[in-house]
């Protein structure tokens, strides 16, 4: 049985999740919008990414994004 470490996460936290895709791996970085036994959903810059539990490989909390730089 795989340990579902993401079950301790809370909606609204910023995370990165590495998950299996055909031919390799991909990452989803953003705000957590769903956490349950079926997996997670992460709101990324490109839109929501649903990651099934069986495809999650790694994950961790990440700090807030840096503030936008001002143009000169």
N, C-alpha and C. Protein backbone atom coordinates (compact mmCIF):
# COMPACT_ATOMS: atom_id res chain seq x y z
N UNK A 1 0.83 -1.18 0.00
CA UNK A 1 0.00 0.00 0.00
C UNK A 1 0.88 1.25 0.00
N UNK A 2 0.56 2.21 -0.83
CA UNK A 2 1.30 3.45 -0.93
C UNK A 2 0.82 4.44 0.13
N UNK A 3 1.77 5.13 0.77
CA UNK A 3 1.42 6.15 1.75
C UNK A 3 0.90 7.37 1.01
N UNK A 4 -0.28 7.82 1.36
CA UNK A 4 -0.89 8.98 0.71
C UNK A 4 -0.52 10.25 1.49
N UNK A 5 0.73 10.68 1.34
CA UNK A 5 1.24 11.83 2.08
C UNK A 5 0.46 13.10 1.82
N UNK A 6 -0.11 13.24 0.64
CA UNK A 6 -0.85 14.45 0.27
C UNK A 6 -2.16 14.59 1.04
N UNK A 7 -2.62 13.53 1.68
CA UNK A 7 -3.87 13.60 2.45
C UNK A 7 -3.75 14.56 3.63
N UNK A 8 -2.52 14.89 4.04
CA UNK A 8 -2.30 15.85 5.14
C UNK A 8 -2.34 17.30 4.65
N UNK A 9 -2.30 17.51 3.33
CA UNK A 9 -2.32 18.86 2.78
C UNK A 9 -3.71 19.46 2.91
N UNK A 10 -3.77 20.79 2.82
CA UNK A 10 -5.03 21.52 2.93
C UNK A 10 -5.27 22.37 1.68
N UNK A 11 -6.53 22.45 1.29
CA UNK A 11 -6.91 23.30 0.15
C UNK A 11 -6.40 24.72 0.44
N UNK A 12 -5.83 25.35 -0.60
CA UNK A 12 -5.30 26.70 -0.47
C UNK A 12 -3.79 26.75 -0.32
N UNK A 13 -3.17 25.63 0.05
CA UNK A 13 -1.71 25.60 0.18
C UNK A 13 -1.08 25.58 -1.21
N UNK A 14 0.15 26.09 -1.31
CA UNK A 14 0.88 26.08 -2.57
C UNK A 14 1.79 24.86 -2.56
N UNK A 15 1.69 24.04 -3.61
CA UNK A 15 2.42 22.79 -3.67
C UNK A 15 2.97 22.55 -5.07
N UNK A 16 3.89 21.60 -5.14
CA UNK A 16 4.30 21.04 -6.42
C UNK A 16 4.12 19.54 -6.31
N UNK A 17 3.54 18.94 -7.34
CA UNK A 17 3.27 17.50 -7.38
C UNK A 17 3.90 16.92 -8.63
N UNK A 18 4.74 15.91 -8.46
CA UNK A 18 5.29 15.18 -9.61
C UNK A 18 4.43 13.94 -9.80
N UNK A 19 4.03 13.72 -11.06
CA UNK A 19 3.14 12.59 -11.34
C UNK A 19 3.51 11.93 -12.66
N UNK A 20 3.12 10.66 -12.76
CA UNK A 20 3.41 9.86 -13.95
C UNK A 20 2.50 10.27 -15.11
N UNK A 21 3.10 10.38 -16.29
CA UNK A 21 2.36 10.55 -17.53
C UNK A 21 2.94 9.56 -18.53
N UNK A 22 2.25 9.34 -19.61
CA UNK A 22 2.76 8.43 -20.61
C UNK A 22 4.13 8.90 -21.09
N UNK A 23 5.13 8.05 -20.96
CA UNK A 23 6.47 8.38 -21.40
C UNK A 23 7.34 9.07 -20.37
N UNK A 24 6.86 9.27 -19.15
CA UNK A 24 7.70 9.93 -18.16
C UNK A 24 6.94 10.53 -17.00
N UNK A 25 7.33 11.77 -16.66
CA UNK A 25 6.75 12.46 -15.51
C UNK A 25 6.43 13.90 -15.89
N UNK A 26 5.56 14.50 -15.09
CA UNK A 26 5.24 15.92 -15.24
C UNK A 26 5.06 16.50 -13.85
N UNK A 27 5.08 17.83 -13.76
CA UNK A 27 4.90 18.52 -12.48
C UNK A 27 3.72 19.47 -12.56
N UNK A 28 3.00 19.60 -11.46
CA UNK A 28 1.94 20.60 -11.33
C UNK A 28 2.31 21.49 -10.16
N UNK A 29 2.46 22.79 -10.42
CA UNK A 29 2.85 23.76 -9.41
C UNK A 29 1.73 24.78 -9.28
N UNK A 30 1.23 24.96 -8.06
CA UNK A 30 0.19 25.96 -7.85
C UNK A 30 -0.57 25.74 -6.56
N UNK A 31 -1.76 26.33 -6.51
CA UNK A 31 -2.60 26.26 -5.31
C UNK A 31 -3.45 25.00 -5.33
N UNK A 32 -3.49 24.34 -4.21
CA UNK A 32 -4.26 23.11 -4.05
C UNK A 32 -5.75 23.45 -3.97
N UNK A 33 -6.55 22.84 -4.85
CA UNK A 33 -7.99 23.11 -4.86
C UNK A 33 -8.82 21.89 -4.45
N UNK A 34 -8.19 20.71 -4.42
CA UNK A 34 -8.91 19.49 -3.99
C UNK A 34 -7.89 18.50 -3.44
N UNK A 35 -8.26 17.87 -2.32
CA UNK A 35 -7.46 16.81 -1.71
C UNK A 35 -8.41 15.74 -1.22
N UNK A 36 -8.24 14.51 -1.72
CA UNK A 36 -9.05 13.40 -1.22
C UNK A 36 -8.35 12.08 -1.54
N UNK A 37 -8.98 10.98 -1.22
CA UNK A 37 -8.37 9.67 -1.44
C UNK A 37 -8.13 9.38 -2.92
N UNK A 38 -8.86 10.06 -3.81
CA UNK A 38 -8.71 9.84 -5.24
C UNK A 38 -7.52 10.60 -5.83
N UNK A 39 -6.96 11.57 -5.09
CA UNK A 39 -5.83 12.35 -5.58
C UNK A 39 -5.96 13.81 -5.21
N UNK A 40 -5.39 14.67 -6.06
CA UNK A 40 -5.41 16.11 -5.80
C UNK A 40 -5.73 16.86 -7.08
N UNK A 41 -6.10 18.12 -6.91
CA UNK A 41 -6.23 19.03 -8.04
C UNK A 41 -5.46 20.29 -7.69
N UNK A 42 -4.64 20.74 -8.65
CA UNK A 42 -3.79 21.91 -8.44
C UNK A 42 -4.16 22.96 -9.48
N UNK A 43 -4.39 24.19 -9.02
CA UNK A 43 -4.67 25.30 -9.92
C UNK A 43 -3.34 25.89 -10.35
N UNK A 44 -2.96 25.63 -11.61
CA UNK A 44 -1.68 26.10 -12.14
C UNK A 44 -1.91 27.33 -13.02
N UNK A 45 -0.83 27.94 -13.50
CA UNK A 45 -0.96 29.09 -14.42
C UNK A 45 -1.67 28.70 -15.71
N UNK A 46 -1.60 27.44 -16.07
CA UNK A 46 -2.23 26.97 -17.31
C UNK A 46 -3.61 26.39 -17.09
N UNK A 47 -4.09 26.44 -15.84
CA UNK A 47 -5.41 25.91 -15.53
C UNK A 47 -5.33 24.77 -14.53
N UNK A 48 -6.48 24.22 -14.18
CA UNK A 48 -6.50 23.15 -13.17
C UNK A 48 -5.91 21.85 -13.70
N UNK A 49 -5.18 21.15 -12.83
CA UNK A 49 -4.59 19.85 -13.16
C UNK A 49 -5.05 18.86 -12.11
N UNK A 50 -5.84 17.86 -12.53
CA UNK A 50 -6.28 16.79 -11.63
C UNK A 50 -5.26 15.66 -11.71
N UNK A 51 -4.75 15.25 -10.56
CA UNK A 51 -3.74 14.19 -10.51
C UNK A 51 -4.31 13.01 -9.73
N UNK A 52 -4.54 11.88 -10.40
CA UNK A 52 -5.05 10.70 -9.70
C UNK A 52 -4.02 10.18 -8.69
N UNK A 53 -4.53 9.65 -7.59
CA UNK A 53 -3.67 9.15 -6.50
C UNK A 53 -2.62 8.16 -7.01
N UNK A 54 -3.01 7.27 -7.91
CA UNK A 54 -2.08 6.24 -8.36
C UNK A 54 -0.94 6.79 -9.21
N UNK A 55 -1.06 8.04 -9.68
CA UNK A 55 0.00 8.63 -10.51
C UNK A 55 0.93 9.55 -9.72
N UNK A 56 0.59 9.89 -8.48
CA UNK A 56 1.43 10.80 -7.69
C UNK A 56 2.70 10.07 -7.27
N UNK A 57 3.85 10.71 -7.55
CA UNK A 57 5.15 10.14 -7.22
C UNK A 57 5.77 10.90 -6.04
N UNK A 58 5.82 12.21 -6.14
CA UNK A 58 6.42 13.08 -5.13
C UNK A 58 5.58 14.34 -4.98
N UNK A 59 5.80 15.05 -3.90
CA UNK A 59 5.13 16.33 -3.73
C UNK A 59 5.65 17.03 -2.50
N UNK A 60 5.53 18.36 -2.49
CA UNK A 60 5.95 19.12 -1.32
C UNK A 60 5.30 20.50 -1.35
N UNK A 61 5.33 21.14 -0.20
CA UNK A 61 4.89 22.53 -0.11
C UNK A 61 5.96 23.41 -0.72
N UNK A 62 5.56 24.53 -1.31
CA UNK A 62 6.51 25.48 -1.87
C UNK A 62 6.14 26.88 -1.39
N UNK A 63 7.12 27.79 -1.35
CA UNK A 63 6.84 29.16 -0.90
C UNK A 63 5.99 29.91 -1.92
N UNK A 64 5.44 31.04 -1.51
CA UNK A 64 4.66 31.86 -2.46
C UNK A 64 5.52 32.29 -3.63
N UNK A 65 4.89 32.59 -4.77
CA UNK A 65 5.68 33.04 -5.92
C UNK A 65 6.34 34.38 -5.62
N UNK A 66 7.45 34.68 -6.29
CA UNK A 66 8.10 35.98 -6.06
C UNK A 66 7.20 37.11 -6.55
N UNK A 67 7.38 38.27 -5.95
CA UNK A 67 6.62 39.46 -6.38
C UNK A 67 7.02 39.83 -7.81
N UNK A 68 6.10 40.35 -8.59
CA UNK A 68 6.44 40.75 -9.96
C UNK A 68 7.51 41.83 -9.95
N UNK A 69 8.39 41.75 -10.93
CA UNK A 69 9.43 42.76 -11.06
C UNK A 69 8.86 44.00 -11.75
N UNK A 70 9.35 45.15 -11.32
CA UNK A 70 8.92 46.39 -11.94
C UNK A 70 9.77 46.64 -13.18
N UNK A 71 9.13 47.11 -14.23
CA UNK A 71 9.87 47.45 -15.46
C UNK A 71 10.58 48.77 -15.27
N UNK A 72 11.72 48.88 -15.89
CA UNK A 72 12.48 50.14 -15.81
C UNK A 72 12.05 51.10 -16.87
